[in-house]
Amino acid sequence: MKKLFLSFILLATFASCTKLLDTLTTFQFTREATFFMPSSATLGVPINLNSTEVLTSYENEFSNNNTSAENADYIKVIAMNLQIVSPTTGDFNFLKSIALSISADGLTDKVIAEVKDVQDGLSQLDLDVSTEDLKPYLTTDKFKLKIEAVTDEVLLNDYDIKTEATFEVKANRN
């Protein structure tokens, strides 16, 4: 019985130390981008848009966590949302679906977030995110988000939309 109890204590201690090590080598950061969606009478046809270029400049995040981009095991998106900046009274009623892809020089585009059936009445939209490793895209100098939106209503106004993405990094310490 004592051996079983001692084994349990050792296992619990090891598990908590492993969890602590993961916490020490895992961190998050957020990046924002904006894109412009012009008014349109087109329905049901994909509209393709590009965001502004997003400069990565992650050196501070890696340095603050005692690591470097080269030591990253993975970088993945864990949350992404869209928010209407203007018109201020706007909502996403005009959208049927939306997908965001990441692109960087020399790499193929990769879908990282999407919503297939957008609910009415929302001015902020949380997207379903991919769990794929984005390290090749996010360790370049800059990347772009490409948006493919399908509308189900006539878009009478131009829209400015902000994306906010939260990324998680797991890296080995320097």
N, C-alpha and C. Protein backbone atom coordinates (compact mmCIF):
# COMPACT_ATOMS: atom_id res chain seq x y z
N MET A 1 0.82 -1.19 0.00
CA MET A 1 0.00 0.00 0.00
C MET A 1 0.87 1.26 0.00
N LYS A 2 1.97 1.22 0.81
CA LYS A 2 2.87 2.37 0.87
C LYS A 2 3.54 2.61 -0.48
N LYS A 3 3.91 1.51 -1.16
CA LYS A 3 4.54 1.65 -2.47
C LYS A 3 3.57 2.27 -3.48
N LEU A 4 2.32 1.87 -3.41
CA LEU A 4 1.30 2.43 -4.30
C LEU A 4 1.12 3.91 -4.02
N PHE A 5 1.05 4.29 -2.76
CA PHE A 5 0.89 5.69 -2.38
C PHE A 5 2.10 6.51 -2.83
N LEU A 6 3.32 5.98 -2.63
CA LEU A 6 4.53 6.67 -3.04
C LEU A 6 4.58 6.82 -4.57
N SER A 7 4.18 5.80 -5.29
CA SER A 7 4.12 5.87 -6.76
C SER A 7 3.14 6.94 -7.21
N PHE A 8 2.01 7.02 -6.55
CA PHE A 8 1.01 8.04 -6.89
C PHE A 8 1.58 9.44 -6.66
N ILE A 9 2.25 9.67 -5.54
CA ILE A 9 2.85 10.97 -5.23
C ILE A 9 3.90 11.33 -6.27
N LEU A 10 4.76 10.38 -6.64
CA LEU A 10 5.79 10.64 -7.66
C LEU A 10 5.17 10.97 -9.01
N LEU A 11 4.14 10.24 -9.38
CA LEU A 11 3.46 10.49 -10.64
C LEU A 11 2.82 11.87 -10.65
N ALA A 12 2.16 12.24 -9.57
CA ALA A 12 1.53 13.56 -9.47
C ALA A 12 2.57 14.67 -9.53
N THR A 13 3.69 14.48 -8.87
CA THR A 13 4.77 15.48 -8.88
C THR A 13 5.32 15.62 -10.29
N PHE A 14 5.59 14.52 -10.97
CA PHE A 14 6.10 14.55 -12.33
C PHE A 14 5.12 15.25 -13.26
N ALA A 15 3.85 14.93 -13.15
CA ALA A 15 2.82 15.55 -14.01
C ALA A 15 2.76 17.05 -13.79
N SER A 16 2.83 17.51 -12.55
CA SER A 16 2.76 18.94 -12.29
C SER A 16 4.02 19.64 -12.78
N CYS A 17 5.19 19.01 -12.69
CA CYS A 17 6.42 19.60 -13.21
C CYS A 17 6.36 19.71 -14.73
N THR A 18 5.86 18.68 -15.39
CA THR A 18 5.72 18.70 -16.84
C THR A 18 4.78 19.83 -17.25
N LYS A 19 3.68 19.99 -16.54
CA LYS A 19 2.75 21.07 -16.84
C LYS A 19 3.40 22.43 -16.63
N LEU A 20 4.20 22.58 -15.60
CA LEU A 20 4.91 23.82 -15.32
C LEU A 20 5.90 24.12 -16.44
N LEU A 21 6.63 23.10 -16.92
CA LEU A 21 7.56 23.31 -18.03
C LEU A 21 6.83 23.76 -19.28
N ASP A 22 5.66 23.16 -19.57
CA ASP A 22 4.87 23.57 -20.72
C ASP A 22 4.46 25.03 -20.59
N THR A 23 4.06 25.44 -19.40
CA THR A 23 3.67 26.83 -19.18
C THR A 23 4.84 27.76 -19.42
N LEU A 24 6.01 27.37 -19.00
CA LEU A 24 7.18 28.23 -19.16
C LEU A 24 7.60 28.37 -20.61
N THR A 25 7.27 27.41 -21.46
CA THR A 25 7.70 27.46 -22.85
C THR A 25 6.55 27.74 -23.81
N THR A 26 5.38 28.04 -23.28
CA THR A 26 4.22 28.35 -24.12
C THR A 26 3.76 29.76 -23.81
N PHE A 27 3.56 30.56 -24.86
CA PHE A 27 3.08 31.92 -24.67
C PHE A 27 2.17 32.32 -25.83
N GLN A 28 1.48 33.42 -25.65
CA GLN A 28 0.52 33.91 -26.65
C GLN A 28 0.84 35.35 -27.03
N PHE A 29 0.43 35.71 -28.25
CA PHE A 29 0.50 37.10 -28.68
C PHE A 29 -0.67 37.36 -29.64
N THR A 30 -0.98 38.63 -29.83
CA THR A 30 -2.12 39.02 -30.66
C THR A 30 -1.65 39.93 -31.79
N ARG A 31 -2.24 39.77 -32.95
CA ARG A 31 -1.99 40.65 -34.09
C ARG A 31 -3.32 41.07 -34.69
N GLU A 32 -3.35 42.31 -35.21
CA GLU A 32 -4.55 42.85 -35.84
C GLU A 32 -4.26 43.19 -37.29
N ALA A 33 -5.29 43.13 -38.10
CA ALA A 33 -5.22 43.57 -39.49
C ALA A 33 -6.58 44.14 -39.84
N THR A 34 -6.63 44.93 -40.88
CA THR A 34 -7.90 45.51 -41.32
C THR A 34 -8.09 45.21 -42.80
N PHE A 35 -9.34 45.20 -43.20
CA PHE A 35 -9.62 45.11 -44.63
C PHE A 35 -10.88 45.89 -44.94
N PHE A 36 -10.99 46.24 -46.20
CA PHE A 36 -12.07 47.07 -46.70
C PHE A 36 -12.97 46.21 -47.58
N MET A 37 -14.27 46.23 -47.30
CA MET A 37 -15.24 45.49 -48.11
C MET A 37 -16.14 46.52 -48.79
N PRO A 38 -16.01 46.67 -50.12
CA PRO A 38 -16.82 47.68 -50.82
C PRO A 38 -18.27 47.25 -50.96
N SER A 39 -19.15 48.24 -51.10
CA SER A 39 -20.56 47.93 -51.35
C SER A 39 -20.66 47.10 -52.63
N SER A 40 -21.69 46.26 -52.68
CA SER A 40 -21.80 45.34 -53.81
C SER A 40 -23.24 44.84 -53.93
N ALA A 41 -23.66 44.63 -55.17
CA ALA A 41 -24.98 44.05 -55.42
C ALA A 41 -24.87 42.57 -55.75
N THR A 42 -23.69 42.01 -55.68
CA THR A 42 -23.45 40.61 -55.99
C THR A 42 -23.85 39.73 -54.81
N LEU A 43 -24.64 38.70 -55.09
CA LEU A 43 -25.07 37.77 -54.04
C LEU A 43 -24.61 36.36 -54.39
N GLY A 44 -24.18 35.62 -53.39
CA GLY A 44 -23.86 34.21 -53.56
C GLY A 44 -22.57 33.93 -54.31
N VAL A 45 -21.83 34.96 -54.69
CA VAL A 45 -20.57 34.80 -55.40
C VAL A 45 -19.44 35.20 -54.47
N PRO A 46 -18.40 34.39 -54.35
CA PRO A 46 -17.31 34.74 -53.43
C PRO A 46 -16.66 36.08 -53.79
N ILE A 47 -16.45 36.90 -52.78
CA ILE A 47 -15.73 38.17 -52.91
C ILE A 47 -14.37 37.94 -52.27
N ASN A 48 -13.31 38.23 -53.01
CA ASN A 48 -11.96 38.02 -52.49
C ASN A 48 -11.33 39.36 -52.13
N LEU A 49 -10.83 39.46 -50.91
CA LEU A 49 -10.23 40.68 -50.39
C LEU A 49 -8.89 40.36 -49.74
N ASN A 50 -8.02 41.36 -49.69
CA ASN A 50 -6.74 41.21 -49.00
C ASN A 50 -6.67 42.20 -47.85
N SER A 51 -6.07 41.78 -46.76
CA SER A 51 -5.86 42.67 -45.62
C SER A 51 -4.65 43.55 -45.90
N THR A 52 -4.44 44.49 -45.02
CA THR A 52 -3.18 45.21 -45.04
C THR A 52 -2.09 44.22 -44.66
N GLU A 53 -0.86 44.51 -45.06
CA GLU A 53 0.25 43.64 -44.65
C GLU A 53 0.43 43.73 -43.15
N VAL A 54 0.68 42.59 -42.54
CA VAL A 54 0.90 42.53 -41.11
C VAL A 54 2.39 42.25 -40.89
N LEU A 55 3.07 43.20 -40.25
CA LEU A 55 4.48 42.98 -39.94
C LEU A 55 4.57 42.05 -38.74
N THR A 56 5.40 41.05 -38.83
CA THR A 56 5.44 40.08 -37.76
C THR A 56 6.15 40.63 -36.52
N SER A 57 7.36 41.09 -36.64
CA SER A 57 8.15 41.69 -35.54
C SER A 57 7.89 41.01 -34.19
N TYR A 58 8.19 39.73 -34.11
CA TYR A 58 7.94 38.95 -32.91
C TYR A 58 9.15 38.86 -31.98
N GLU A 59 10.22 39.52 -32.34
CA GLU A 59 11.44 39.39 -31.55
C GLU A 59 11.20 39.65 -30.07
N ASN A 60 10.41 40.69 -29.75
CA ASN A 60 10.14 41.01 -28.34
C ASN A 60 9.40 39.89 -27.64
N GLU A 61 8.37 39.31 -28.29
CA GLU A 61 7.62 38.22 -27.66
C GLU A 61 8.52 37.03 -27.36
N PHE A 62 9.36 36.67 -28.33
CA PHE A 62 10.27 35.54 -28.13
C PHE A 62 11.30 35.87 -27.05
N SER A 63 11.88 37.06 -27.13
CA SER A 63 12.89 37.47 -26.15
C SER A 63 12.32 37.52 -24.74
N ASN A 64 11.12 38.07 -24.59
CA ASN A 64 10.48 38.14 -23.27
C ASN A 64 10.20 36.76 -22.68
N ASN A 65 10.16 35.74 -23.53
CA ASN A 65 9.90 34.38 -23.08
C ASN A 65 11.15 33.50 -23.17
N ASN A 66 12.31 34.15 -23.20
CA ASN A 66 13.62 33.46 -23.18
C ASN A 66 13.77 32.42 -24.28
N THR A 67 13.33 32.78 -25.48
CA THR A 67 13.48 31.87 -26.61
C THR A 67 13.65 32.69 -27.88
N SER A 68 13.64 32.02 -29.02
CA SER A 68 13.73 32.69 -30.32
C SER A 68 12.83 31.96 -31.31
N ALA A 69 12.58 32.59 -32.45
CA ALA A 69 11.70 31.99 -33.45
C ALA A 69 12.24 30.64 -33.92
N GLU A 70 13.55 30.52 -33.99
CA GLU A 70 14.16 29.26 -34.43
C GLU A 70 13.86 28.11 -33.46
N ASN A 71 13.61 28.45 -32.20
CA ASN A 71 13.33 27.42 -31.19
C ASN A 71 11.86 27.05 -31.08
N ALA A 72 11.01 27.68 -31.88
CA ALA A 72 9.57 27.41 -31.80
C ALA A 72 9.26 26.02 -32.33
N ASP A 73 8.55 25.24 -31.54
CA ASP A 73 8.07 23.94 -32.00
C ASP A 73 6.88 24.14 -32.93
N TYR A 74 5.98 25.04 -32.52
CA TYR A 74 4.83 25.37 -33.36
C TYR A 74 4.32 26.75 -33.00
N ILE A 75 3.59 27.33 -33.96
CA ILE A 75 2.83 28.56 -33.74
C ILE A 75 1.47 28.30 -34.39
N LYS A 76 0.41 28.42 -33.59
CA LYS A 76 -0.91 28.18 -34.15
C LYS A 76 -1.87 29.27 -33.69
N VAL A 77 -2.90 29.47 -34.48
CA VAL A 77 -3.93 30.44 -34.12
C VAL A 77 -4.89 29.74 -33.15
N ILE A 78 -5.22 30.41 -32.04
CA ILE A 78 -6.13 29.80 -31.08
C ILE A 78 -7.45 30.56 -30.99
N ALA A 79 -7.49 31.77 -31.55
CA ALA A 79 -8.74 32.54 -31.57
C ALA A 79 -8.63 33.61 -32.64
N MET A 80 -9.72 33.85 -33.32
CA MET A 80 -9.77 34.93 -34.31
C MET A 80 -11.18 35.48 -34.34
N ASN A 81 -11.26 36.81 -34.36
CA ASN A 81 -12.57 37.42 -34.50
C ASN A 81 -12.52 38.57 -35.47
N LEU A 82 -13.68 38.91 -35.96
CA LEU A 82 -13.87 40.04 -36.86
C LEU A 82 -14.77 41.04 -36.16
N GLN A 83 -14.47 42.31 -36.36
CA GLN A 83 -15.29 43.37 -35.77
C GLN A 83 -15.48 44.46 -36.81
N ILE A 84 -16.73 44.92 -36.94
CA ILE A 84 -17.03 46.00 -37.87
C ILE A 84 -16.58 47.31 -37.25
N VAL A 85 -15.71 48.03 -37.97
CA VAL A 85 -15.23 49.33 -37.52
C VAL A 85 -16.16 50.43 -38.03
N SER A 86 -16.51 50.33 -39.31
CA SER A 86 -17.49 51.27 -39.89
C SER A 86 -18.25 50.56 -41.00
N PRO A 87 -19.53 50.88 -41.16
CA PRO A 87 -20.29 51.87 -40.41
C PRO A 87 -20.49 51.42 -38.95
N THR A 88 -20.55 52.36 -38.05
CA THR A 88 -20.62 52.04 -36.62
C THR A 88 -21.88 51.28 -36.25
N THR A 89 -22.93 51.40 -37.03
CA THR A 89 -24.17 50.67 -36.74
C THR A 89 -24.28 49.40 -37.58
N GLY A 90 -23.20 49.02 -38.26
CA GLY A 90 -23.23 47.87 -39.14
C GLY A 90 -23.23 46.54 -38.40
N ASP A 91 -23.67 45.50 -39.10
CA ASP A 91 -23.61 44.14 -38.58
C ASP A 91 -23.26 43.20 -39.73
N PHE A 92 -23.07 41.95 -39.41
CA PHE A 92 -22.66 40.96 -40.41
C PHE A 92 -23.84 40.26 -41.07
N ASN A 93 -25.03 40.85 -41.04
CA ASN A 93 -26.21 40.23 -41.66
C ASN A 93 -26.01 39.94 -43.15
N PHE A 94 -25.16 40.70 -43.81
CA PHE A 94 -24.94 40.54 -45.24
C PHE A 94 -24.10 39.31 -45.58
N LEU A 95 -23.46 38.70 -44.59
CA LEU A 95 -22.57 37.56 -44.85
C LEU A 95 -23.29 36.22 -44.73
N LYS A 96 -23.01 35.37 -45.69
CA LYS A 96 -23.45 33.98 -45.59
C LYS A 96 -22.32 33.14 -45.00
N SER A 97 -21.09 33.36 -45.51
CA SER A 97 -19.92 32.65 -45.00
C SER A 97 -18.68 33.50 -45.22
N ILE A 98 -17.63 33.17 -44.47
CA ILE A 98 -16.37 33.88 -44.63
C ILE A 98 -15.24 32.93 -44.25
N ALA A 99 -14.13 33.02 -44.99
CA ALA A 99 -12.94 32.22 -44.71
C ALA A 99 -11.73 33.12 -44.82
N LEU A 100 -10.80 32.98 -43.89
CA LEU A 100 -9.56 33.75 -43.91
C LEU A 100 -8.40 32.81 -44.12
N SER A 101 -7.54 33.18 -45.06
CA SER A 101 -6.33 32.43 -45.36
C SER A 101 -5.13 33.30 -45.03
N ILE A 102 -4.04 32.66 -44.70
CA ILE A 102 -2.79 33.37 -44.48
C ILE A 102 -1.91 33.14 -45.69
N SER A 103 -1.17 34.19 -46.07
CA SER A 103 -0.24 34.05 -47.18
C SER A 103 1.05 34.77 -46.83
N ALA A 104 2.15 34.25 -47.34
CA ALA A 104 3.47 34.86 -47.17
C ALA A 104 4.29 34.50 -48.40
N ASP A 105 5.28 35.31 -48.68
CA ASP A 105 6.12 35.09 -49.85
C ASP A 105 6.70 33.68 -49.86
N GLY A 106 6.53 32.99 -50.99
CA GLY A 106 7.10 31.67 -51.16
C GLY A 106 6.31 30.53 -50.54
N LEU A 107 5.17 30.83 -49.91
CA LEU A 107 4.36 29.79 -49.27
C LEU A 107 2.97 29.75 -49.89
N THR A 108 2.36 28.56 -49.92
CA THR A 108 1.00 28.46 -50.44
C THR A 108 0.02 29.00 -49.40
N ASP A 109 -1.09 29.55 -49.87
CA ASP A 109 -2.12 30.07 -48.97
C ASP A 109 -2.71 28.94 -48.15
N LYS A 110 -3.04 29.25 -46.88
CA LYS A 110 -3.60 28.24 -45.99
C LYS A 110 -4.80 28.84 -45.25
N VAL A 111 -5.95 28.17 -45.31
CA VAL A 111 -7.13 28.62 -44.56
C VAL A 111 -6.86 28.43 -43.08
N ILE A 112 -7.05 29.53 -42.30
CA ILE A 112 -6.77 29.44 -40.86
C ILE A 112 -8.00 29.67 -40.01
N ALA A 113 -9.06 30.24 -40.61
CA ALA A 113 -10.28 30.50 -39.83
C ALA A 113 -11.45 30.68 -40.78
N GLU A 114 -12.65 30.27 -40.30
CA GLU A 114 -13.84 30.40 -41.15
C GLU A 114 -15.11 30.29 -40.33
N VAL A 115 -16.18 30.77 -40.93
CA VAL A 115 -17.54 30.54 -40.44
C VAL A 115 -18.36 30.22 -41.68
N LYS A 116 -19.04 29.09 -41.67
CA LYS A 116 -19.80 28.67 -42.85
C LYS A 116 -21.22 29.21 -42.86
N ASP A 117 -21.83 29.41 -41.71
CA ASP A 117 -23.19 29.95 -41.63
C ASP A 117 -23.19 31.08 -40.60
N VAL A 118 -23.10 32.32 -41.08
CA VAL A 118 -23.04 33.48 -40.20
C VAL A 118 -24.44 33.79 -39.67
N GLN A 119 -24.54 33.96 -38.36
CA GLN A 119 -25.82 34.30 -37.73
C GLN A 119 -26.10 35.79 -37.91
N ASP A 120 -27.37 36.16 -37.95
CA ASP A 120 -27.76 37.56 -38.10
C ASP A 120 -27.60 38.32 -36.79
N GLY A 121 -27.41 39.64 -36.92
CA GLY A 121 -27.42 40.54 -35.78
C GLY A 121 -26.09 40.71 -35.07
N LEU A 122 -25.01 40.17 -35.63
CA LEU A 122 -23.72 40.24 -34.96
C LEU A 122 -22.84 41.35 -35.55
N SER A 123 -22.24 42.16 -34.69
CA SER A 123 -21.26 43.15 -35.15
C SER A 123 -19.84 42.67 -34.85
N GLN A 124 -19.75 41.58 -34.10
CA GLN A 124 -18.47 40.91 -33.87
C GLN A 124 -18.69 39.43 -34.15
N LEU A 125 -17.74 38.81 -34.80
CA LEU A 125 -17.89 37.44 -35.25
C LEU A 125 -16.67 36.62 -34.82
N ASP A 126 -16.89 35.57 -34.04
CA ASP A 126 -15.82 34.65 -33.66
C ASP A 126 -15.75 33.54 -34.69
N LEU A 127 -14.57 33.30 -35.21
CA LEU A 127 -14.38 32.32 -36.27
C LEU A 127 -13.89 30.99 -35.71
N ASP A 128 -14.19 29.92 -36.43
CA ASP A 128 -13.65 28.59 -36.13
C ASP A 128 -12.23 28.56 -36.68
N VAL A 129 -11.26 28.20 -35.86
CA VAL A 129 -9.86 28.29 -36.27
C VAL A 129 -9.26 26.92 -36.54
N SER A 130 -8.26 26.93 -37.40
CA SER A 130 -7.48 25.73 -37.74
C SER A 130 -6.48 25.45 -36.62
N THR A 131 -6.09 24.21 -36.49
CA THR A 131 -5.07 23.86 -35.48
C THR A 131 -3.71 23.60 -36.14
N GLU A 132 -3.57 23.96 -37.41
CA GLU A 132 -2.33 23.69 -38.13
C GLU A 132 -1.19 24.60 -37.66
N ASP A 133 0.02 24.11 -37.80
CA ASP A 133 1.21 24.86 -37.45
C ASP A 133 1.45 25.97 -38.48
N LEU A 134 1.54 27.21 -38.01
CA LEU A 134 1.73 28.36 -38.89
C LEU A 134 3.13 28.95 -38.78
N LYS A 135 4.04 28.24 -38.17
CA LYS A 135 5.39 28.76 -37.97
C LYS A 135 6.02 29.27 -39.27
N PRO A 136 5.93 28.55 -40.39
CA PRO A 136 6.56 29.07 -41.61
C PRO A 136 6.03 30.45 -42.03
N TYR A 137 4.76 30.73 -41.75
CA TYR A 137 4.15 32.00 -42.15
C TYR A 137 4.49 33.11 -41.16
N LEU A 138 4.52 32.77 -39.89
CA LEU A 138 4.64 33.79 -38.85
C LEU A 138 6.08 34.09 -38.45
N THR A 139 7.03 33.37 -39.02
CA THR A 139 8.43 33.70 -38.76
C THR A 139 9.05 34.41 -39.96
N THR A 140 8.22 34.82 -40.92
CA THR A 140 8.68 35.68 -42.02
C THR A 140 8.56 37.13 -41.55
N ASP A 141 9.04 38.05 -42.37
CA ASP A 141 8.98 39.48 -42.01
C ASP A 141 7.55 40.01 -41.98
N LYS A 142 6.71 39.48 -42.87
CA LYS A 142 5.34 39.98 -42.95
C LYS A 142 4.45 38.91 -43.59
N PHE A 143 3.16 39.03 -43.33
CA PHE A 143 2.19 38.14 -43.96
C PHE A 143 0.95 38.93 -44.30
N LYS A 144 0.08 38.33 -45.07
CA LYS A 144 -1.20 38.94 -45.41
C LYS A 144 -2.30 37.95 -45.09
N LEU A 145 -3.46 38.48 -44.76
CA LEU A 145 -4.65 37.66 -44.65
C LEU A 145 -5.47 37.88 -45.91
N LYS A 146 -5.96 36.80 -46.45
CA LYS A 146 -6.83 36.87 -47.62
C LYS A 146 -8.21 36.43 -47.17
N ILE A 147 -9.20 37.19 -47.59
CA ILE A 147 -10.56 36.94 -47.15
C ILE A 147 -11.41 36.53 -48.36
N GLU A 148 -12.16 35.45 -48.16
CA GLU A 148 -13.15 35.05 -49.16
C GLU A 148 -14.49 35.07 -48.47
N ALA A 149 -15.35 36.00 -48.89
CA ALA A 149 -16.66 36.18 -48.27
C ALA A 149 -17.74 35.92 -49.30
N VAL A 150 -18.81 35.27 -48.86
CA VAL A 150 -19.99 35.06 -49.70
C VAL A 150 -21.13 35.82 -49.02
N THR A 151 -21.76 36.70 -49.79
CA THR A 151 -22.85 37.51 -49.23
C THR A 151 -24.20 36.90 -49.58
N ASP A 152 -25.18 37.17 -48.72
CA ASP A 152 -26.55 36.75 -49.02
C ASP A 152 -27.51 37.94 -48.96
N GLU A 153 -26.95 39.15 -48.86
CA GLU A 153 -27.71 40.39 -48.94
C GLU A 153 -26.92 41.39 -49.75
N VAL A 154 -27.62 42.33 -50.37
CA VAL A 154 -26.95 43.42 -51.08
C VAL A 154 -26.23 44.26 -50.04
N LEU A 155 -25.00 44.60 -50.34
CA LEU A 155 -24.17 45.40 -49.43
C LEU A 155 -24.27 46.86 -49.87
N LEU A 156 -25.10 47.64 -49.15
CA LEU A 156 -25.37 49.02 -49.53
C LEU A 156 -24.25 49.98 -49.13
N ASN A 157 -23.47 49.64 -48.11
CA ASN A 157 -22.40 50.50 -47.62
C ASN A 157 -21.06 49.81 -47.75
N ASP A 158 -20.01 50.63 -47.78
CA ASP A 158 -18.66 50.10 -47.65
C ASP A 158 -18.45 49.74 -46.19
N TYR A 159 -17.66 48.70 -45.94
CA TYR A 159 -17.38 48.26 -44.57
C TYR A 159 -15.87 48.23 -44.33
N ASP A 160 -15.46 48.73 -43.19
CA ASP A 160 -14.10 48.55 -42.69
C ASP A 160 -14.20 47.51 -41.58
N ILE A 161 -13.42 46.45 -41.70
CA ILE A 161 -13.50 45.34 -40.76
C ILE A 161 -12.11 45.06 -40.20
N LYS A 162 -12.05 44.88 -38.89
CA LYS A 162 -10.79 44.58 -38.20
C LYS A 162 -10.78 43.10 -37.82
N THR A 163 -9.66 42.46 -38.05
CA THR A 163 -9.46 41.10 -37.57
C THR A 163 -8.49 41.15 -36.40
N GLU A 164 -8.75 40.33 -35.41
CA GLU A 164 -7.83 40.18 -34.29
C GLU A 164 -7.59 38.70 -34.11
N ALA A 165 -6.32 38.32 -34.19
CA ALA A 165 -5.95 36.91 -34.07
C ALA A 165 -5.03 36.73 -32.87
N THR A 166 -5.30 35.71 -32.08
CA THR A 166 -4.44 35.34 -30.96
C THR A 166 -3.71 34.05 -31.35
N PHE A 167 -2.39 34.10 -31.23
CA PHE A 167 -1.55 32.97 -31.59
C PHE A 167 -0.92 32.39 -30.33
N GLU A 168 -0.68 31.09 -30.37
CA GLU A 168 0.02 30.41 -29.29
C GLU A 168 1.32 29.85 -29.84
N VAL A 169 2.38 30.05 -29.05
CA VAL A 169 3.70 29.55 -29.44
C VAL A 169 4.17 28.55 -28.38
N LYS A 170 4.67 27.45 -28.83
CA LYS A 170 5.35 26.51 -27.93
C LYS A 170 6.78 26.44 -28.45
N ALA A 171 7.71 26.76 -27.54
CA ALA A 171 9.11 26.83 -27.95
C ALA A 171 10.02 26.29 -26.86
N ASN A 172 11.19 25.87 -27.28
CA ASN A 172 12.24 25.49 -26.34
C ASN A 172 12.91 26.76 -25.84
N ARG A 173 13.30 26.76 -24.59
CA ARG A 173 13.97 27.93 -24.02
C ARG A 173 15.41 27.99 -24.53
N ASN A 174 15.92 29.21 -24.62
CA ASN A 174 17.33 29.39 -25.02
C ASN A 174 18.28 28.81 -24.00
